[in-house]
Each structure stands twice: as C-alpha cells, then as structure tokens.
C-alpha cells in the first residue's frame, strides 16, 4: 500500500485540489473512476475511487491522503487524471 499526502506529494497553491467531473467513468487508458459530485456553481469530486485491471486501485482525496495499491499505479493514474488546483473562494 502506497500513501500520498497533500502538502508533501502534491500541493495546490489555490487551496482546492480535486478531480474534475470529466474523469468520471471508464477511460481508454483502463481507469474506471467513481466519486461523489459536489456542486456550487462549479462541479468537482473530492473523494474518489479508481480501479485499473493492471494497476489496481487508487482512492482517497487529493486534499488529504490518496492511497494506491502500488507506486506505479499511483503514477499512472496521476499522469492520466491529474487533479485540478483551484480556489474555493472563486465560487
């Protein structure tokens, strides 16, 4: 199990670091991503779960901790479904 921490392994200058809703569903790269959509003028996903037939599972919240079955799986997910940085004050 790999644990990645906000502020150490990834950061957001604006405060929010979330998954864009366009990432929900099954993708050609093999990842299937689920999560609860939050909406307040803008839509985003905090807690998510992603599964891949080769890389296993990546889940968590980029504003806290993200867990992955392997480092390789985390890196593949992060490269293909990078969270977005934005400011909650903008909504």
N, C-alpha and C. Protein backbone atom coordinates (compact mmCIF):
# COMPACT_ATOMS: atom_id res chain seq x y z
N UNK A 1 0.85 -1.18 0.00
CA UNK A 1 0.00 0.00 0.00
C UNK A 1 0.89 1.25 0.00
N UNK A 2 0.57 2.18 -0.88
CA UNK A 2 1.28 3.46 -1.00
C UNK A 2 0.35 4.55 -0.49
N UNK A 3 0.87 5.46 0.34
CA UNK A 3 0.09 6.58 0.85
C UNK A 3 0.75 7.87 0.39
N UNK A 4 -0.01 8.71 -0.30
CA UNK A 4 0.47 10.01 -0.75
C UNK A 4 -0.27 11.08 0.04
N UNK A 5 0.46 12.10 0.48
CA UNK A 5 -0.11 13.12 1.36
C UNK A 5 -0.11 14.51 0.71
N UNK A 6 -1.22 15.22 0.90
CA UNK A 6 -1.31 16.59 0.45
C UNK A 6 -0.28 17.42 1.21
N UNK A 7 0.38 18.31 0.49
CA UNK A 7 1.39 19.16 1.10
C UNK A 7 2.78 18.55 1.05
N UNK A 8 2.85 17.26 0.77
CA UNK A 8 4.15 16.58 0.66
C UNK A 8 4.34 16.03 -0.75
N UNK A 9 3.39 15.22 -1.21
CA UNK A 9 3.49 14.57 -2.51
C UNK A 9 2.80 15.36 -3.63
N UNK A 10 1.89 16.23 -3.27
CA UNK A 10 1.21 17.11 -4.22
C UNK A 10 0.65 18.29 -3.44
N UNK A 11 0.51 19.43 -4.11
CA UNK A 11 0.02 20.63 -3.44
C UNK A 11 -0.89 21.43 -4.37
N UNK A 12 -1.61 22.36 -3.78
CA UNK A 12 -2.44 23.29 -4.53
C UNK A 12 -2.17 24.70 -3.99
N UNK A 13 -1.70 25.57 -4.84
CA UNK A 13 -1.45 26.96 -4.45
C UNK A 13 -2.76 27.68 -4.13
N UNK A 14 -3.86 27.20 -4.74
CA UNK A 14 -5.14 27.88 -4.59
C UNK A 14 -6.00 27.32 -3.46
N UNK A 15 -5.64 26.20 -2.89
CA UNK A 15 -6.40 25.62 -1.79
C UNK A 15 -7.12 24.33 -2.14
N UNK A 16 -7.85 24.35 -3.25
CA UNK A 16 -8.58 23.15 -3.65
C UNK A 16 -7.73 22.32 -4.60
N UNK A 17 -7.82 21.02 -4.45
CA UNK A 17 -7.14 20.08 -5.35
C UNK A 17 -8.09 18.91 -5.52
N UNK A 18 -8.82 18.91 -6.61
CA UNK A 18 -9.92 17.97 -6.79
C UNK A 18 -9.88 17.33 -8.17
N UNK A 19 -10.67 16.28 -8.30
CA UNK A 19 -10.82 15.59 -9.58
C UNK A 19 -11.93 16.28 -10.37
N UNK A 20 -11.66 16.60 -11.62
CA UNK A 20 -12.67 17.18 -12.49
C UNK A 20 -13.70 16.11 -12.84
N UNK A 21 -14.96 16.50 -12.96
CA UNK A 21 -16.03 15.54 -13.24
C UNK A 21 -15.88 14.88 -14.60
N UNK A 22 -15.08 15.45 -15.50
CA UNK A 22 -14.88 14.81 -16.81
C UNK A 22 -14.15 13.47 -16.66
N UNK A 23 -13.55 13.24 -15.51
CA UNK A 23 -12.81 11.99 -15.29
C UNK A 23 -13.70 10.84 -14.81
N UNK A 24 -14.94 11.11 -14.48
CA UNK A 24 -15.84 10.03 -14.06
C UNK A 24 -16.08 9.06 -15.20
N UNK A 25 -16.17 7.78 -14.88
CA UNK A 25 -16.48 6.78 -15.88
C UNK A 25 -15.28 5.92 -16.23
N UNK A 26 -15.42 5.18 -17.32
CA UNK A 26 -14.37 4.28 -17.79
C UNK A 26 -13.65 4.93 -18.96
N UNK A 27 -12.32 4.85 -18.93
CA UNK A 27 -11.48 5.54 -19.92
C UNK A 27 -10.66 4.55 -20.74
N UNK A 28 -10.23 5.02 -21.91
CA UNK A 28 -9.43 4.18 -22.81
C UNK A 28 -8.12 3.73 -22.16
N UNK A 29 -7.62 4.49 -21.19
CA UNK A 29 -6.37 4.10 -20.52
C UNK A 29 -6.59 3.00 -19.49
N UNK A 30 -7.84 2.54 -19.33
CA UNK A 30 -8.14 1.43 -18.44
C UNK A 30 -8.70 1.81 -17.09
N UNK A 31 -8.63 3.07 -16.70
CA UNK A 31 -9.13 3.50 -15.40
C UNK A 31 -10.64 3.68 -15.41
N UNK A 32 -11.29 3.17 -14.38
CA UNK A 32 -12.71 3.43 -14.12
C UNK A 32 -12.76 4.23 -12.83
N UNK A 33 -13.32 5.43 -12.91
CA UNK A 33 -13.29 6.37 -11.79
C UNK A 33 -14.71 6.67 -11.32
N UNK A 34 -14.91 6.56 -10.01
CA UNK A 34 -16.20 6.90 -9.40
C UNK A 34 -15.95 7.90 -8.28
N UNK A 35 -16.99 8.64 -7.95
CA UNK A 35 -16.88 9.60 -6.86
C UNK A 35 -18.15 10.43 -6.76
N UNK A 36 -18.33 11.06 -5.62
CA UNK A 36 -19.49 11.91 -5.40
C UNK A 36 -19.22 13.30 -5.96
N UNK A 37 -20.13 13.77 -6.80
CA UNK A 37 -20.00 15.10 -7.39
C UNK A 37 -20.56 16.15 -6.44
N UNK A 38 -19.77 17.17 -6.17
CA UNK A 38 -20.20 18.32 -5.37
C UNK A 38 -20.46 19.46 -6.35
N UNK A 39 -21.45 20.28 -6.02
CA UNK A 39 -21.77 21.37 -6.92
C UNK A 39 -22.16 22.62 -6.14
N UNK A 40 -21.53 23.71 -6.52
CA UNK A 40 -21.87 25.03 -6.01
C UNK A 40 -21.36 26.01 -7.07
N UNK A 41 -22.13 26.18 -8.11
CA UNK A 41 -21.76 26.94 -9.30
C UNK A 41 -20.76 26.15 -10.15
N UNK A 42 -19.92 25.41 -9.56
CA UNK A 42 -18.88 24.62 -10.21
C UNK A 42 -19.04 23.18 -9.72
N UNK A 43 -18.64 22.20 -10.51
CA UNK A 43 -18.72 20.79 -10.10
C UNK A 43 -17.31 20.24 -9.88
N UNK A 44 -17.16 19.42 -8.83
CA UNK A 44 -15.88 18.80 -8.55
C UNK A 44 -16.09 17.52 -7.75
N UNK A 45 -15.02 16.75 -7.62
CA UNK A 45 -15.05 15.49 -6.86
C UNK A 45 -13.90 15.53 -5.86
N UNK A 46 -14.22 15.39 -4.58
CA UNK A 46 -13.19 15.28 -3.55
C UNK A 46 -12.78 13.82 -3.40
N UNK A 47 -13.62 13.02 -2.78
CA UNK A 47 -13.30 11.60 -2.56
C UNK A 47 -13.62 10.81 -3.82
N UNK A 48 -12.68 9.99 -4.21
CA UNK A 48 -12.84 9.20 -5.44
C UNK A 48 -12.27 7.80 -5.24
N UNK A 49 -12.64 6.93 -6.17
CA UNK A 49 -12.04 5.60 -6.24
C UNK A 49 -11.81 5.30 -7.71
N UNK A 50 -10.64 4.83 -8.02
CA UNK A 50 -10.30 4.48 -9.40
C UNK A 50 -9.72 3.07 -9.41
N UNK A 51 -10.16 2.27 -10.35
CA UNK A 51 -9.65 0.91 -10.48
C UNK A 51 -9.16 0.69 -11.90
N UNK A 52 -8.12 -0.13 -12.00
CA UNK A 52 -7.49 -0.42 -13.29
C UNK A 52 -7.14 -1.91 -13.31
N UNK A 53 -7.37 -2.60 -14.43
CA UNK A 53 -7.08 -4.05 -14.46
C UNK A 53 -5.61 -4.39 -14.25
N UNK A 54 -4.70 -3.50 -14.62
CA UNK A 54 -3.27 -3.76 -14.45
C UNK A 54 -2.72 -3.12 -13.18
N UNK A 55 -3.13 -1.86 -12.88
CA UNK A 55 -2.54 -1.08 -11.79
C UNK A 55 -3.26 -1.17 -10.46
N UNK A 56 -4.42 -1.79 -10.44
CA UNK A 56 -5.14 -1.93 -9.18
C UNK A 56 -5.97 -0.72 -8.83
N UNK A 57 -5.99 -0.36 -7.55
CA UNK A 57 -6.87 0.69 -7.06
C UNK A 57 -6.08 1.89 -6.56
N UNK A 58 -6.65 3.08 -6.83
CA UNK A 58 -6.19 4.35 -6.28
C UNK A 58 -7.43 5.03 -5.73
N UNK A 59 -7.38 5.51 -4.49
CA UNK A 59 -8.57 6.13 -3.91
C UNK A 59 -8.17 7.13 -2.84
N UNK A 60 -9.11 7.99 -2.50
CA UNK A 60 -8.86 8.97 -1.45
C UNK A 60 -9.36 10.34 -1.82
N UNK A 61 -8.62 11.35 -1.36
CA UNK A 61 -8.99 12.75 -1.54
C UNK A 61 -7.69 13.53 -1.67
N UNK A 62 -7.48 14.20 -2.79
CA UNK A 62 -6.23 14.92 -3.01
C UNK A 62 -6.04 16.10 -2.06
N UNK A 63 -7.06 16.44 -1.29
CA UNK A 63 -6.89 17.49 -0.29
C UNK A 63 -6.47 16.90 1.06
N UNK A 64 -6.28 15.60 1.10
CA UNK A 64 -5.85 14.91 2.32
C UNK A 64 -4.85 13.82 1.93
N UNK A 65 -5.32 12.57 1.92
CA UNK A 65 -4.47 11.44 1.56
C UNK A 65 -5.05 10.67 0.38
N UNK A 66 -4.16 10.14 -0.44
CA UNK A 66 -4.54 9.27 -1.54
C UNK A 66 -3.79 7.96 -1.35
N UNK A 67 -4.50 6.86 -1.52
CA UNK A 67 -3.95 5.52 -1.31
C UNK A 67 -3.91 4.79 -2.65
N UNK A 68 -2.87 3.99 -2.83
CA UNK A 68 -2.74 3.23 -4.07
C UNK A 68 -2.17 1.86 -3.76
N UNK A 69 -2.57 0.90 -4.58
CA UNK A 69 -2.02 -0.45 -4.41
C UNK A 69 -0.52 -0.46 -4.66
N UNK A 70 -0.06 0.35 -5.65
CA UNK A 70 1.37 0.39 -5.98
C UNK A 70 1.78 1.81 -6.35
N UNK A 71 3.06 2.11 -6.26
CA UNK A 71 3.59 3.40 -6.72
C UNK A 71 3.37 3.56 -8.22
N UNK A 72 3.60 2.51 -8.97
CA UNK A 72 3.40 2.55 -10.42
C UNK A 72 1.94 2.89 -10.75
N UNK A 73 1.01 2.31 -10.01
CA UNK A 73 -0.40 2.60 -10.22
C UNK A 73 -0.73 4.05 -9.92
N UNK A 74 -0.21 4.57 -8.81
CA UNK A 74 -0.45 5.97 -8.48
C UNK A 74 0.09 6.87 -9.58
N UNK A 75 1.32 6.64 -10.00
CA UNK A 75 1.94 7.48 -11.02
C UNK A 75 1.15 7.46 -12.32
N UNK A 76 0.70 6.27 -12.74
CA UNK A 76 -0.07 6.16 -13.98
C UNK A 76 -1.39 6.93 -13.85
N UNK A 77 -2.06 6.77 -12.72
CA UNK A 77 -3.31 7.50 -12.50
C UNK A 77 -3.06 9.00 -12.51
N UNK A 78 -2.07 9.46 -11.77
CA UNK A 78 -1.78 10.89 -11.63
C UNK A 78 -1.42 11.52 -12.97
N UNK A 79 -0.67 10.81 -13.78
CA UNK A 79 -0.27 11.33 -15.10
C UNK A 79 -1.47 11.44 -16.04
N UNK A 80 -2.42 10.53 -15.92
CA UNK A 80 -3.55 10.49 -16.84
C UNK A 80 -4.80 11.19 -16.33
N UNK A 81 -4.90 11.41 -15.02
CA UNK A 81 -6.08 12.03 -14.42
C UNK A 81 -5.66 12.99 -13.31
N UNK A 82 -4.77 13.88 -13.66
CA UNK A 82 -4.20 14.85 -12.71
C UNK A 82 -5.31 15.70 -12.09
N UNK A 83 -5.30 15.86 -10.78
CA UNK A 83 -6.29 16.72 -10.14
C UNK A 83 -6.06 18.18 -10.53
N UNK A 84 -7.12 18.96 -10.41
CA UNK A 84 -7.01 20.37 -10.75
C UNK A 84 -6.92 21.22 -9.48
N UNK A 85 -6.16 22.29 -9.59
CA UNK A 85 -5.98 23.22 -8.49
C UNK A 85 -6.85 24.44 -8.77
N UNK A 86 -7.62 24.82 -7.76
CA UNK A 86 -8.49 25.99 -7.89
C UNK A 86 -8.81 26.53 -6.51
N UNK A 87 -9.49 27.65 -6.45
CA UNK A 87 -9.77 28.34 -5.20
C UNK A 87 -11.25 28.24 -4.86
N UNK A 88 -11.57 27.68 -3.70
CA UNK A 88 -12.98 27.59 -3.28
C UNK A 88 -13.62 28.98 -3.21
N UNK A 89 -12.83 30.01 -2.98
CA UNK A 89 -13.33 31.37 -2.93
C UNK A 89 -13.87 31.87 -4.26
N UNK A 90 -13.51 31.19 -5.35
CA UNK A 90 -13.99 31.60 -6.67
C UNK A 90 -15.44 31.22 -6.91
N UNK A 91 -16.00 30.35 -6.05
CA UNK A 91 -17.40 30.01 -6.23
C UNK A 91 -18.20 30.81 -5.28
